[in-house]
Amino acid sequence: MDFMTALDIGASGLKAQRANLNVISMNMANIRTTKTAEGGPYRRKSVSFESTPVYSPFDKAMDNQLNRDLHGVKVLGVTSDNRPFRQAYEPHHPDANDQGYVFYPDINVVEEMTNMMQAMRGYEANAQSVDSVKRMFQKALMIGMG
Protein backbone atom coordinates (compact mmCIF):
# COMPACT_ATOMS: atom_id res chain seq x y z
CA MET A 1 0.00 0.00 0.00
CA ASP A 2 1.36 3.42 -0.92
CA PHE A 3 1.03 6.65 1.03
CA MET A 4 -1.73 8.06 -1.16
CA THR A 5 -3.91 4.96 -0.73
CA ALA A 6 -3.46 5.14 3.04
CA LEU A 7 -4.44 8.82 2.96
CA ASP A 8 -7.50 7.99 0.82
CA ILE A 9 -8.66 5.38 3.34
CA GLY A 10 -8.22 7.78 6.28
CA ALA A 11 -9.92 10.62 4.39
CA SER A 12 -12.92 8.43 3.53
CA GLY A 13 -13.30 7.58 7.22
CA LEU A 14 -13.08 11.26 8.19
CA LYS A 15 -15.74 12.18 5.64
CA ALA A 16 -18.06 9.37 6.78
CA GLN A 17 -17.76 10.24 10.47
CA ARG A 18 -18.33 13.93 9.72
CA ALA A 19 -21.60 13.01 7.97
CA ASN A 20 -22.54 10.83 10.94
CA LEU A 21 -21.85 13.66 13.42
CA ASN A 22 -23.95 16.06 11.32
CA VAL A 23 -26.94 13.68 11.41
CA ILE A 24 -26.57 13.06 15.16
CA SER A 25 -26.46 16.83 15.75
CA MET A 26 -29.58 17.24 13.62
CA ASN A 27 -31.36 14.61 15.73
CA MET A 28 -30.39 16.38 18.95
CA ALA A 29 -31.47 19.78 17.60
CA ASN A 30 -34.90 18.44 16.61
CA ILE A 31 -35.67 16.48 19.76
CA ARG A 32 -38.82 18.59 20.42
CA THR A 33 -39.84 19.37 16.83
CA THR A 34 -43.53 18.61 16.45
CA LYS A 35 -44.06 19.94 12.94
CA THR A 36 -41.80 19.66 9.89
CA ALA A 37 -42.13 20.83 6.29
CA GLU A 38 -43.21 17.29 5.34
CA GLY A 39 -45.90 17.37 8.04
CA GLY A 40 -45.87 15.67 11.40
CA PRO A 41 -43.07 15.42 13.94
CA TYR A 42 -39.40 15.15 13.02
CA ARG A 43 -38.22 11.59 12.38
CA ARG A 44 -34.90 10.47 13.85
CA LYS A 45 -32.29 9.83 11.17
CA SER A 46 -29.23 7.61 10.93
CA VAL A 47 -26.37 7.20 8.49
CA SER A 48 -25.71 3.98 6.57
CA PHE A 49 -22.09 3.12 5.76
CA GLU A 50 -20.54 0.75 3.26
CA SER A 51 -17.03 -0.59 2.94
CA THR A 52 -15.62 0.20 -0.49
CA PRO A 53 -12.44 -0.94 -2.24
CA VAL A 54 -9.77 1.74 -2.48
CA TYR A 55 -7.24 1.63 -5.28
CA SER A 56 -4.44 4.02 -5.99
CA PRO A 57 -4.31 5.59 -9.47
CA PHE A 58 -1.44 3.22 -10.32
CA ASP A 59 -3.52 0.20 -9.29
CA LYS A 60 -6.39 1.39 -11.47
CA ALA A 61 -4.09 1.88 -14.43
CA MET A 62 -2.46 -1.52 -14.03
CA ASP A 63 -5.68 -3.29 -12.94
CA ASN A 64 -3.83 -4.76 -9.97
CA GLN A 65 -5.98 -7.15 -7.90
CA LEU A 66 -3.43 -7.55 -5.10
CA ASN A 67 -4.82 -4.54 -3.21
CA ARG A 68 -8.48 -5.52 -3.34
CA ASP A 69 -8.55 -6.08 0.44
CA LEU A 70 -8.02 -2.37 1.11
CA HIS A 71 -11.30 -0.77 2.02
CA GLY A 72 -12.43 2.76 2.68
CA VAL A 73 -15.80 3.95 3.92
CA LYS A 74 -18.64 5.33 1.85
CA VAL A 75 -21.84 6.92 3.10
CA LEU A 76 -24.73 5.04 1.48
CA GLY A 77 -27.29 7.52 2.66
CA VAL A 78 -29.34 8.91 5.50
CA THR A 79 -32.37 6.88 6.51
CA SER A 80 -35.34 7.86 8.64
CA ASP A 81 -36.16 5.81 11.70
CA ASN A 82 -39.66 4.28 11.84
CA ARG A 83 -40.00 4.33 15.61
CA PRO A 84 -43.45 5.36 16.81
CA PHE A 85 -43.71 8.93 18.04
CA ARG A 86 -43.69 9.72 21.74
CA GLN A 87 -46.99 11.12 23.04
CA ALA A 88 -47.29 13.78 25.72
CA TYR A 89 -50.50 15.18 27.15
CA GLU A 90 -50.24 18.93 26.58
CA PRO A 91 -53.73 20.22 25.74
CA HIS A 92 -52.60 23.87 25.41
CA HIS A 93 -49.82 23.12 22.90
CA PRO A 94 -50.62 24.50 19.41
CA ASP A 95 -49.90 21.10 17.82
CA ALA A 96 -52.06 19.08 20.24
CA ASN A 97 -54.67 16.80 18.69
CA ASP A 98 -58.36 16.67 19.70
CA GLN A 99 -57.56 14.57 22.79
CA GLY A 100 -54.81 17.03 23.90
CA TYR A 101 -51.85 14.86 22.96
CA VAL A 102 -48.74 16.18 21.21
CA PHE A 103 -46.53 13.82 19.22
CA TYR A 104 -42.76 14.21 19.60
CA PRO A 105 -39.92 12.35 17.88
CA ASP A 106 -38.75 9.29 19.80
CA ILE A 107 -35.17 10.47 20.26
CA ASN A 108 -33.24 9.20 23.26
CA VAL A 109 -30.61 11.71 24.41
CA VAL A 110 -28.42 9.00 25.97
CA GLU A 111 -28.48 6.97 22.75
CA GLU A 112 -27.61 10.03 20.64
CA MET A 113 -24.77 11.04 22.98
CA THR A 114 -23.40 7.49 22.86
CA ASN A 115 -23.56 7.56 19.05
CA MET A 116 -21.85 10.96 19.08
CA MET A 117 -19.01 9.70 21.29
CA GLN A 118 -18.56 6.68 19.05
CA ALA A 119 -18.47 8.88 15.92
CA MET A 120 -15.99 11.23 17.59
CA ARG A 121 -13.71 8.31 18.47
CA GLY A 122 -13.93 7.08 14.87
CA TYR A 123 -13.11 10.54 13.59
CA GLU A 124 -10.14 10.82 15.97
CA ALA A 125 -8.84 7.40 14.90
CA ASN A 126 -9.01 8.36 11.23
CA ALA A 127 -7.34 11.72 11.92
CA GLN A 128 -4.55 9.91 13.78
CA SER A 129 -4.18 7.52 10.84
CA VAL A 130 -3.81 10.43 8.40
CA ASP A 131 -1.30 12.09 10.73
CA SER A 132 0.73 8.86 10.98
CA VAL A 133 0.86 8.57 7.18
CA LYS A 134 2.06 12.18 6.96
CA ARG A 135 4.84 11.50 9.48
CA MET A 136 5.91 8.34 7.62
CA PHE A 137 5.98 10.27 4.35
CA GLN A 138 8.12 12.99 5.93
CA LYS A 139 10.54 10.38 7.34
CA ALA A 140 10.76 8.71 3.92
CA LEU A 141 11.61 12.08 2.35
CA MET A 142 14.30 12.69 4.95
CA ILE A 143 15.80 9.24 4.29
CA GLY A 144 15.71 9.84 0.54
CA MET A 145 17.44 13.21 0.86
CA GLY A 146 20.05 12.01 3.35
C-alpha atoms as a PDB file:
ATOM      1  CA  MET A   1       0.000   0.000   0.000  1.00  0.00           C
ATOM      2  CA  ASP A   2       1.358   3.418  -0.924  1.00  0.00           C
ATOM      3  CA  PHE A   3       1.033   6.652   1.026  1.00  0.00           C
ATOM      4  CA  MET A   4      -1.731   8.060  -1.159  1.00  0.00           C
ATOM      5  CA  THR A   5      -3.910   4.963  -0.730  1.00  0.00           C
ATOM      6  CA  ALA A   6      -3.460   5.142   3.039  1.00  0.00           C
ATOM      7  CA  LEU A   7      -4.442   8.823   2.955  1.00  0.00           C
ATOM      8  CA  ASP A   8      -7.505   7.987   0.819  1.00  0.00           C
ATOM      9  CA  ILE A   9      -8.655   5.385   3.340  1.00  0.00           C
ATOM     10  CA  GLY A  10      -8.217   7.778   6.277  1.00  0.00           C
ATOM     11  CA  ALA A  11      -9.921  10.624   4.395  1.00  0.00           C
ATOM     12  CA  SER A  12     -12.917   8.434   3.532  1.00  0.00           C
ATOM     13  CA  GLY A  13     -13.300   7.582   7.220  1.00  0.00           C
ATOM     14  CA  LEU A  14     -13.084  11.258   8.189  1.00  0.00           C
ATOM     15  CA  LYS A  15     -15.736  12.179   5.641  1.00  0.00           C
ATOM     16  CA  ALA A  16     -18.062   9.368   6.779  1.00  0.00           C
ATOM     17  CA  GLN A  17     -17.755  10.241  10.473  1.00  0.00           C
ATOM     18  CA  ARG A  18     -18.328  13.933   9.725  1.00  0.00           C
ATOM     19  CA  ALA A  19     -21.595  13.011   7.968  1.00  0.00           C
ATOM     20  CA  ASN A  20     -22.541  10.834  10.944  1.00  0.00           C
ATOM     21  CA  LEU A  21     -21.849  13.664  13.420  1.00  0.00           C
ATOM     22  CA  ASN A  22     -23.949  16.057  11.324  1.00  0.00           C
ATOM     23  CA  VAL A  23     -26.936  13.685  11.414  1.00  0.00           C
ATOM     24  CA  ILE A  24     -26.571  13.058  15.160  1.00  0.00           C
ATOM     25  CA  SER A  25     -26.460  16.829  15.749  1.00  0.00           C
ATOM     26  CA  MET A  26     -29.576  17.242  13.622  1.00  0.00           C
ATOM     27  CA  ASN A  27     -31.364  14.610  15.735  1.00  0.00           C
ATOM     28  CA  MET A  28     -30.388  16.385  18.953  1.00  0.00           C
ATOM     29  CA  ALA A  29     -31.468  19.779  17.603  1.00  0.00           C
ATOM     30  CA  ASN A  30     -34.904  18.442  16.609  1.00  0.00           C
ATOM     31  CA  ILE A  31     -35.675  16.485  19.762  1.00  0.00           C
ATOM     32  CA  ARG A  32     -38.822  18.587  20.421  1.00  0.00           C
ATOM     33  CA  THR A  33     -39.837  19.365  16.834  1.00  0.00           C
ATOM     34  CA  THR A  34     -43.529  18.612  16.454  1.00  0.00           C
ATOM     35  CA  LYS A  35     -44.064  19.944  12.941  1.00  0.00           C
ATOM     36  CA  THR A  36     -41.800  19.664   9.888  1.00  0.00           C
ATOM     37  CA  ALA A  37     -42.135  20.833   6.289  1.00  0.00           C
ATOM     38  CA  GLU A  38     -43.214  17.290   5.337  1.00  0.00           C
ATOM     39  CA  GLY A  39     -45.904  17.374   8.041  1.00  0.00           C
ATOM     40  CA  GLY A  40     -45.869  15.667  11.397  1.00  0.00           C
ATOM     41  CA  PRO A  41     -43.067  15.421  13.937  1.00  0.00           C
ATOM     42  CA  TYR A  42     -39.400  15.147  13.024  1.00  0.00           C
ATOM     43  CA  ARG A  43     -38.218  11.589  12.376  1.00  0.00           C
ATOM     44  CA  ARG A  44     -34.903  10.468  13.847  1.00  0.00           C
ATOM     45  CA  LYS A  45     -32.292   9.831  11.174  1.00  0.00           C
ATOM     46  CA  SER A  46     -29.232   7.607  10.935  1.00  0.00           C
ATOM     47  CA  VAL A  47     -26.367   7.198   8.491  1.00  0.00           C
ATOM     48  CA  SER A  48     -25.708   3.981   6.570  1.00  0.00           C
ATOM     49  CA  PHE A  49     -22.091   3.119   5.765  1.00  0.00           C
ATOM     50  CA  GLU A  50     -20.541   0.752   3.264  1.00  0.00           C
ATOM     51  CA  SER A  51     -17.028  -0.591   2.938  1.00  0.00           C
ATOM     52  CA  THR A  52     -15.620   0.199  -0.494  1.00  0.00           C
ATOM     53  CA  PRO A  53     -12.444  -0.936  -2.239  1.00  0.00           C
ATOM     54  CA  VAL A  54      -9.769   1.742  -2.477  1.00  0.00           C
ATOM     55  CA  TYR A  55      -7.240   1.626  -5.284  1.00  0.00           C
ATOM     56  CA  SER A  56      -4.439   4.021  -5.991  1.00  0.00           C
ATOM     57  CA  PRO A  57      -4.311   5.593  -9.465  1.00  0.00           C
ATOM     58  CA  PHE A  58      -1.445   3.224 -10.321  1.00  0.00           C
ATOM     59  CA  ASP A  59      -3.517   0.196  -9.293  1.00  0.00           C
ATOM     60  CA  LYS A  60      -6.395   1.385 -11.466  1.00  0.00           C
ATOM     61  CA  ALA A  61      -4.095   1.882 -14.432  1.00  0.00           C
ATOM     62  CA  MET A  62      -2.465  -1.517 -14.029  1.00  0.00           C
ATOM     63  CA  ASP A  63      -5.680  -3.287 -12.935  1.00  0.00           C
ATOM     64  CA  ASN A  64      -3.829  -4.756  -9.965  1.00  0.00           C
ATOM     65  CA  GLN A  65      -5.975  -7.148  -7.904  1.00  0.00           C
ATOM     66  CA  LEU A  66      -3.430  -7.548  -5.105  1.00  0.00           C
ATOM     67  CA  ASN A  67      -4.823  -4.544  -3.210  1.00  0.00           C
ATOM     68  CA  ARG A  68      -8.484  -5.520  -3.340  1.00  0.00           C
ATOM     69  CA  ASP A  69      -8.549  -6.083   0.440  1.00  0.00           C
ATOM     70  CA  LEU A  70      -8.021  -2.370   1.113  1.00  0.00           C
ATOM     71  CA  HIS A  71     -11.301  -0.767   2.017  1.00  0.00           C
ATOM     72  CA  GLY A  72     -12.430   2.759   2.678  1.00  0.00           C
ATOM     73  CA  VAL A  73     -15.801   3.952   3.917  1.00  0.00           C
ATOM     74  CA  LYS A  74     -18.637   5.329   1.847  1.00  0.00           C
ATOM     75  CA  VAL A  75     -21.841   6.915   3.098  1.00  0.00           C
ATOM     76  CA  LEU A  76     -24.726   5.041   1.477  1.00  0.00           C
ATOM     77  CA  GLY A  77     -27.294   7.523   2.657  1.00  0.00           C
ATOM     78  CA  VAL A  78     -29.339   8.911   5.496  1.00  0.00           C
ATOM     79  CA  THR A  79     -32.369   6.884   6.511  1.00  0.00           C
ATOM     80  CA  SER A  80     -35.342   7.865   8.644  1.00  0.00           C
ATOM     81  CA  ASP A  81     -36.163   5.810  11.701  1.00  0.00           C
ATOM     82  CA  ASN A  82     -39.661   4.279  11.839  1.00  0.00           C
ATOM     83  CA  ARG A  83     -40.001   4.329  15.614  1.00  0.00           C
ATOM     84  CA  PRO A  84     -43.449   5.360  16.809  1.00  0.00           C
ATOM     85  CA  PHE A  85     -43.713   8.932  18.039  1.00  0.00           C
ATOM     86  CA  ARG A  86     -43.687   9.722  21.743  1.00  0.00           C
ATOM     87  CA  GLN A  87     -46.993  11.120  23.045  1.00  0.00           C
ATOM     88  CA  ALA A  88     -47.295  13.783  25.716  1.00  0.00           C
ATOM     89  CA  TYR A  89     -50.502  15.180  27.155  1.00  0.00           C
ATOM     90  CA  GLU A  90     -50.236  18.932  26.577  1.00  0.00           C
ATOM     91  CA  PRO A  91     -53.732  20.224  25.741  1.00  0.00           C
ATOM     92  CA  HIS A  92     -52.603  23.868  25.407  1.00  0.00           C
ATOM     93  CA  HIS A  93     -49.818  23.118  22.898  1.00  0.00           C
ATOM     94  CA  PRO A  94     -50.621  24.499  19.412  1.00  0.00           C
ATOM     95  CA  ASP A  95     -49.904  21.098  17.824  1.00  0.00           C
ATOM     96  CA  ALA A  96     -52.059  19.084  20.236  1.00  0.00           C
ATOM     97  CA  ASN A  97     -54.667  16.799  18.695  1.00  0.00           C
ATOM     98  CA  ASP A  98     -58.360  16.671  19.704  1.00  0.00           C
ATOM     99  CA  GLN A  99     -57.560  14.573  22.789  1.00  0.00           C
ATOM    100  CA  GLY A 100     -54.812  17.033  23.900  1.00  0.00           C
ATOM    101  CA  TYR A 101     -51.847  14.855  22.956  1.00  0.00           C
ATOM    102  CA  VAL A 102     -48.742  16.178  21.213  1.00  0.00           C
ATOM    103  CA  PHE A 103     -46.532  13.824  19.220  1.00  0.00           C
ATOM    104  CA  TYR A 104     -42.765  14.209  19.604  1.00  0.00           C
ATOM    105  CA  PRO A 105     -39.916  12.352  17.881  1.00  0.00           C
ATOM    106  CA  ASP A 106     -38.752   9.288  19.802  1.00  0.00           C
ATOM    107  CA  ILE A 107     -35.169  10.469  20.255  1.00  0.00           C
ATOM    108  CA  ASN A 108     -33.242   9.196  23.260  1.00  0.00           C
ATOM    109  CA  VAL A 109     -30.607  11.713  24.405  1.00  0.00           C
ATOM    110  CA  VAL A 110     -28.419   8.997  25.973  1.00  0.00           C
ATOM    111  CA  GLU A 111     -28.479   6.966  22.746  1.00  0.00           C
ATOM    112  CA  GLU A 112     -27.613  10.027  20.642  1.00  0.00           C
ATOM    113  CA  MET A 113     -24.771  11.038  22.975  1.00  0.00           C
ATOM    114  CA  THR A 114     -23.397   7.486  22.859  1.00  0.00           C
ATOM    115  CA  ASN A 115     -23.565   7.560  19.052  1.00  0.00           C
ATOM    116  CA  MET A 116     -21.851  10.964  19.083  1.00  0.00           C
ATOM    117  CA  MET A 117     -19.013   9.703  21.295  1.00  0.00           C
ATOM    118  CA  GLN A 118     -18.565   6.678  19.045  1.00  0.00           C
ATOM    119  CA  ALA A 119     -18.474   8.880  15.924  1.00  0.00           C
ATOM    120  CA  MET A 120     -15.991  11.233  17.588  1.00  0.00           C
ATOM    121  CA  ARG A 121     -13.715   8.305  18.466  1.00  0.00           C
ATOM    122  CA  GLY A 122     -13.930   7.077  14.873  1.00  0.00           C
ATOM    123  CA  TYR A 123     -13.112  10.545  13.591  1.00  0.00           C
ATOM    124  CA  GLU A 124     -10.143  10.821  15.972  1.00  0.00           C
ATOM    125  CA  ALA A 125      -8.841   7.396  14.902  1.00  0.00           C
ATOM    126  CA  ASN A 126      -9.005   8.364  11.234  1.00  0.00           C
ATOM    127  CA  ALA A 127      -7.344  11.723  11.918  1.00  0.00           C
ATOM    128  CA  GLN A 128      -4.554   9.914  13.778  1.00  0.00           C
ATOM    129  CA  SER A 129      -4.184   7.523  10.845  1.00  0.00           C
ATOM    130  CA  VAL A 130      -3.807  10.430   8.398  1.00  0.00           C
ATOM    131  CA  ASP A 131      -1.295  12.088  10.731  1.00  0.00           C
ATOM    132  CA  SER A 132       0.735   8.860  10.982  1.00  0.00           C
ATOM    133  CA  VAL A 133       0.861   8.567   7.184  1.00  0.00           C
ATOM    134  CA  LYS A 134       2.059  12.182   6.963  1.00  0.00           C
ATOM    135  CA  ARG A 135       4.844  11.496   9.482  1.00  0.00           C
ATOM    136  CA  MET A 136       5.906   8.343   7.622  1.00  0.00           C
ATOM    137  CA  PHE A 137       5.978  10.270   4.345  1.00  0.00           C
ATOM    138  CA  GLN A 138       8.120  12.989   5.929  1.00  0.00           C
ATOM    139  CA  LYS A 139      10.540  10.377   7.343  1.00  0.00           C
ATOM    140  CA  ALA A 140      10.763   8.707   3.915  1.00  0.00           C
ATOM    141  CA  LEU A 141      11.605  12.075   2.351  1.00  0.00           C
ATOM    142  CA  MET A 142      14.304  12.690   4.946  1.00  0.00           C
ATOM    143  CA  ILE A 143      15.801   9.242   4.294  1.00  0.00           C
ATOM    144  CA  GLY A 144      15.708   9.841   0.543  1.00  0.00           C
ATOM    145  CA  MET A 145      17.439  13.210   0.861  1.00  0.00           C
ATOM    146  CA  GLY A 146      20.047  12.014   3.347  1.00  0.00           C
END
